[in-house]
Amino acid sequence: MSTYLTSGFVLRVRPWREHDRLYRVFTEHYGKLELIVASGRKIVSKLSPHLQPFGEVEMMVASGKKFDRLAGAR
């Protein structure tokens, strides 16, 4: 599994499965990405406060088969 660093704007947020969230992010180098944030809907989530809609975010993304996963944000 490879990871990469990028920055972008959060375009859309929607629930995904039981505790996860699916984010649509636009980046300059990779275009539009669909990212899964594991446990993003839980109260103790450390990534959700950094990923507000229409906010700019620096991310570390882990490549996956169907969806990429967000590994870190600031």
N, C-alpha and C. Protein backbone atom coordinates (compact mmCIF):
# COMPACT_ATOMS: atom_id res chain seq x y z
N MET A 1 0.85 -1.17 0.00
CA MET A 1 0.00 0.00 0.00
C MET A 1 0.90 1.23 0.00
N SER A 2 0.72 2.10 -0.97
CA SER A 2 1.54 3.29 -1.04
C SER A 2 0.78 4.50 -0.50
N THR A 3 1.51 5.48 -0.03
CA THR A 3 0.90 6.70 0.47
C THR A 3 1.47 7.89 -0.28
N TYR A 4 0.71 8.97 -0.30
CA TYR A 4 1.17 10.20 -0.92
C TYR A 4 0.61 11.39 -0.17
N LEU A 5 1.32 12.52 -0.25
CA LEU A 5 0.91 13.75 0.40
C LEU A 5 0.35 14.70 -0.65
N THR A 6 -0.75 15.38 -0.31
CA THR A 6 -1.36 16.34 -1.22
C THR A 6 -2.19 17.33 -0.41
N SER A 7 -2.58 18.40 -1.05
CA SER A 7 -3.50 19.35 -0.42
C SER A 7 -4.66 19.59 -1.37
N GLY A 8 -5.81 19.96 -0.81
CA GLY A 8 -6.98 20.15 -1.65
C GLY A 8 -8.13 20.77 -0.88
N PHE A 9 -9.29 20.85 -1.56
CA PHE A 9 -10.51 21.41 -0.99
C PHE A 9 -11.57 20.33 -0.86
N VAL A 10 -12.24 20.29 0.28
CA VAL A 10 -13.31 19.32 0.51
C VAL A 10 -14.56 19.81 -0.22
N LEU A 11 -15.09 18.99 -1.13
CA LEU A 11 -16.26 19.37 -1.90
C LEU A 11 -17.54 18.80 -1.33
N ARG A 12 -17.50 17.55 -0.84
CA ARG A 12 -18.72 16.88 -0.39
C ARG A 12 -18.40 15.89 0.71
N VAL A 13 -19.34 15.75 1.64
CA VAL A 13 -19.22 14.78 2.74
C VAL A 13 -20.52 14.02 2.81
N ARG A 14 -20.43 12.68 2.91
CA ARG A 14 -21.65 11.89 3.08
C ARG A 14 -21.34 10.65 3.92
N PRO A 15 -22.34 10.13 4.60
CA PRO A 15 -22.13 8.93 5.42
C PRO A 15 -21.81 7.72 4.53
N TRP A 16 -21.01 6.82 5.07
CA TRP A 16 -20.63 5.60 4.35
C TRP A 16 -20.59 4.46 5.36
N ARG A 17 -21.39 3.47 5.13
CA ARG A 17 -21.50 2.32 6.02
C ARG A 17 -21.88 2.73 7.44
N GLU A 18 -21.37 2.05 8.44
CA GLU A 18 -21.87 2.29 9.80
C GLU A 18 -21.23 3.48 10.49
N HIS A 19 -19.91 3.59 10.51
CA HIS A 19 -19.24 4.68 11.23
C HIS A 19 -18.29 5.48 10.34
N ASP A 20 -18.26 5.21 9.06
CA ASP A 20 -17.31 5.85 8.16
C ASP A 20 -17.96 7.01 7.42
N ARG A 21 -17.11 7.83 6.80
CA ARG A 21 -17.57 8.91 5.95
C ARG A 21 -16.84 8.85 4.62
N LEU A 22 -17.52 9.29 3.56
CA LEU A 22 -16.95 9.35 2.23
C LEU A 22 -16.80 10.82 1.86
N TYR A 23 -15.58 11.24 1.55
CA TYR A 23 -15.28 12.63 1.23
C TYR A 23 -14.91 12.73 -0.25
N ARG A 24 -15.41 13.77 -0.89
CA ARG A 24 -14.98 14.10 -2.25
C ARG A 24 -14.09 15.33 -2.13
N VAL A 25 -12.85 15.20 -2.58
CA VAL A 25 -11.84 16.25 -2.42
C VAL A 25 -11.26 16.58 -3.78
N PHE A 26 -11.09 17.87 -4.06
CA PHE A 26 -10.45 18.30 -5.30
C PHE A 26 -9.01 18.71 -4.99
N THR A 27 -8.06 18.10 -5.70
CA THR A 27 -6.64 18.42 -5.52
C THR A 27 -6.06 18.92 -6.83
N GLU A 28 -4.99 19.68 -6.74
CA GLU A 28 -4.36 20.24 -7.93
C GLU A 28 -3.67 19.17 -8.76
N HIS A 29 -2.98 18.24 -8.11
CA HIS A 29 -2.17 17.25 -8.83
C HIS A 29 -2.93 15.97 -9.19
N TYR A 30 -3.92 15.58 -8.39
CA TYR A 30 -4.61 14.30 -8.60
C TYR A 30 -6.05 14.47 -9.07
N GLY A 31 -6.55 15.70 -9.15
CA GLY A 31 -7.92 15.93 -9.58
C GLY A 31 -8.90 15.63 -8.45
N LYS A 32 -10.06 15.11 -8.82
CA LYS A 32 -11.10 14.81 -7.84
C LYS A 32 -10.89 13.41 -7.27
N LEU A 33 -10.86 13.32 -5.93
CA LEU A 33 -10.64 12.04 -5.24
C LEU A 33 -11.84 11.71 -4.37
N GLU A 34 -12.16 10.43 -4.27
CA GLU A 34 -13.14 9.92 -3.32
C GLU A 34 -12.35 9.23 -2.21
N LEU A 35 -12.46 9.73 -1.00
CA LEU A 35 -11.67 9.21 0.12
C LEU A 35 -12.57 8.68 1.21
N ILE A 36 -12.20 7.55 1.78
CA ILE A 36 -12.90 6.97 2.93
C ILE A 36 -12.17 7.39 4.20
N VAL A 37 -12.92 7.85 5.20
CA VAL A 37 -12.36 8.15 6.52
C VAL A 37 -12.97 7.14 7.49
N ALA A 38 -12.15 6.22 7.97
CA ALA A 38 -12.62 5.18 8.89
C ALA A 38 -13.00 5.82 10.22
N SER A 39 -14.16 5.45 10.74
CA SER A 39 -14.69 5.95 12.02
C SER A 39 -14.83 7.46 12.03
N GLY A 40 -15.14 8.05 10.90
CA GLY A 40 -15.28 9.50 10.79
C GLY A 40 -16.54 10.05 11.42
N ARG A 41 -17.54 9.20 11.65
CA ARG A 41 -18.79 9.67 12.25
C ARG A 41 -18.82 9.50 13.76
N LYS A 42 -17.77 8.92 14.33
CA LYS A 42 -17.71 8.76 15.78
C LYS A 42 -17.34 10.09 16.43
N ILE A 43 -17.75 10.28 17.67
CA ILE A 43 -17.50 11.52 18.39
C ILE A 43 -16.01 11.71 18.63
N VAL A 44 -15.27 10.65 18.85
CA VAL A 44 -13.85 10.73 19.17
C VAL A 44 -12.95 10.74 17.92
N SER A 45 -13.53 10.98 16.74
CA SER A 45 -12.74 11.00 15.51
C SER A 45 -11.75 12.15 15.52
N LYS A 46 -10.49 11.86 15.18
CA LYS A 46 -9.46 12.89 15.17
C LYS A 46 -9.36 13.59 13.82
N LEU A 47 -9.91 13.01 12.76
CA LEU A 47 -9.79 13.59 11.43
C LEU A 47 -10.97 14.49 11.05
N SER A 48 -12.15 14.22 11.56
CA SER A 48 -13.35 14.95 11.14
C SER A 48 -13.29 16.46 11.36
N PRO A 49 -12.74 16.97 12.46
CA PRO A 49 -12.70 18.43 12.62
C PRO A 49 -11.85 19.14 11.55
N HIS A 50 -10.91 18.44 10.93
CA HIS A 50 -10.06 19.04 9.91
C HIS A 50 -10.70 19.02 8.53
N LEU A 51 -11.81 18.30 8.37
CA LEU A 51 -12.38 18.06 7.05
C LEU A 51 -13.77 18.66 6.91
N GLN A 52 -13.90 19.94 7.13
CA GLN A 52 -15.17 20.62 6.96
C GLN A 52 -15.39 20.94 5.48
N PRO A 53 -16.64 20.93 5.00
CA PRO A 53 -16.91 21.23 3.59
C PRO A 53 -16.37 22.60 3.19
N PHE A 54 -15.82 22.68 2.00
CA PHE A 54 -15.23 23.88 1.40
C PHE A 54 -14.03 24.40 2.18
N GLY A 55 -13.39 23.53 2.92
CA GLY A 55 -12.18 23.89 3.64
C GLY A 55 -10.95 23.35 2.93
N GLU A 56 -9.84 24.04 3.10
CA GLU A 56 -8.58 23.58 2.52
C GLU A 56 -7.89 22.68 3.53
N VAL A 57 -7.34 21.58 3.05
CA VAL A 57 -6.75 20.59 3.96
C VAL A 57 -5.50 19.99 3.32
N GLU A 58 -4.48 19.73 4.15
CA GLU A 58 -3.30 18.98 3.74
C GLU A 58 -3.51 17.55 4.20
N MET A 59 -3.31 16.58 3.30
CA MET A 59 -3.68 15.20 3.59
C MET A 59 -2.55 14.24 3.28
N MET A 60 -2.56 13.12 4.00
CA MET A 60 -1.76 11.96 3.63
C MET A 60 -2.77 10.87 3.27
N VAL A 61 -2.67 10.37 2.06
CA VAL A 61 -3.65 9.44 1.52
C VAL A 61 -2.98 8.10 1.25
N ALA A 62 -3.66 7.02 1.65
CA ALA A 62 -3.18 5.67 1.38
C ALA A 62 -4.00 5.09 0.22
N SER A 63 -3.33 4.61 -0.81
CA SER A 63 -4.01 4.06 -1.98
C SER A 63 -4.70 2.75 -1.63
N GLY A 64 -5.88 2.56 -2.19
CA GLY A 64 -6.63 1.33 -1.98
C GLY A 64 -7.10 0.76 -3.31
N LYS A 65 -7.81 -0.37 -3.27
CA LYS A 65 -8.29 -0.98 -4.50
C LYS A 65 -9.44 -0.18 -5.11
N LYS A 66 -10.49 0.06 -4.33
CA LYS A 66 -11.64 0.78 -4.85
C LYS A 66 -11.61 2.25 -4.44
N PHE A 67 -11.39 2.51 -3.17
CA PHE A 67 -11.31 3.86 -2.64
C PHE A 67 -9.97 4.05 -1.94
N ASP A 68 -9.48 5.28 -2.00
CA ASP A 68 -8.30 5.62 -1.20
C ASP A 68 -8.75 5.94 0.20
N ARG A 69 -7.86 5.76 1.17
CA ARG A 69 -8.18 6.05 2.58
C ARG A 69 -7.37 7.23 3.06
N LEU A 70 -8.02 8.07 3.84
CA LEU A 70 -7.34 9.21 4.41
C LEU A 70 -6.58 8.74 5.65
N ALA A 71 -5.26 8.94 5.63
CA ALA A 71 -4.41 8.46 6.73
C ALA A 71 -4.10 9.58 7.71
N GLY A 72 -4.13 10.83 7.27
CA GLY A 72 -3.84 11.95 8.15
C GLY A 72 -4.29 13.25 7.50
N ALA A 73 -4.63 14.24 8.32
CA ALA A 73 -5.09 15.53 7.81
C ALA A 73 -4.68 16.63 8.75
N ARG A 74 -4.49 17.83 8.16
CA ARG A 74 -4.21 18.99 8.99
C ARG A 74 -4.63 20.23 8.25
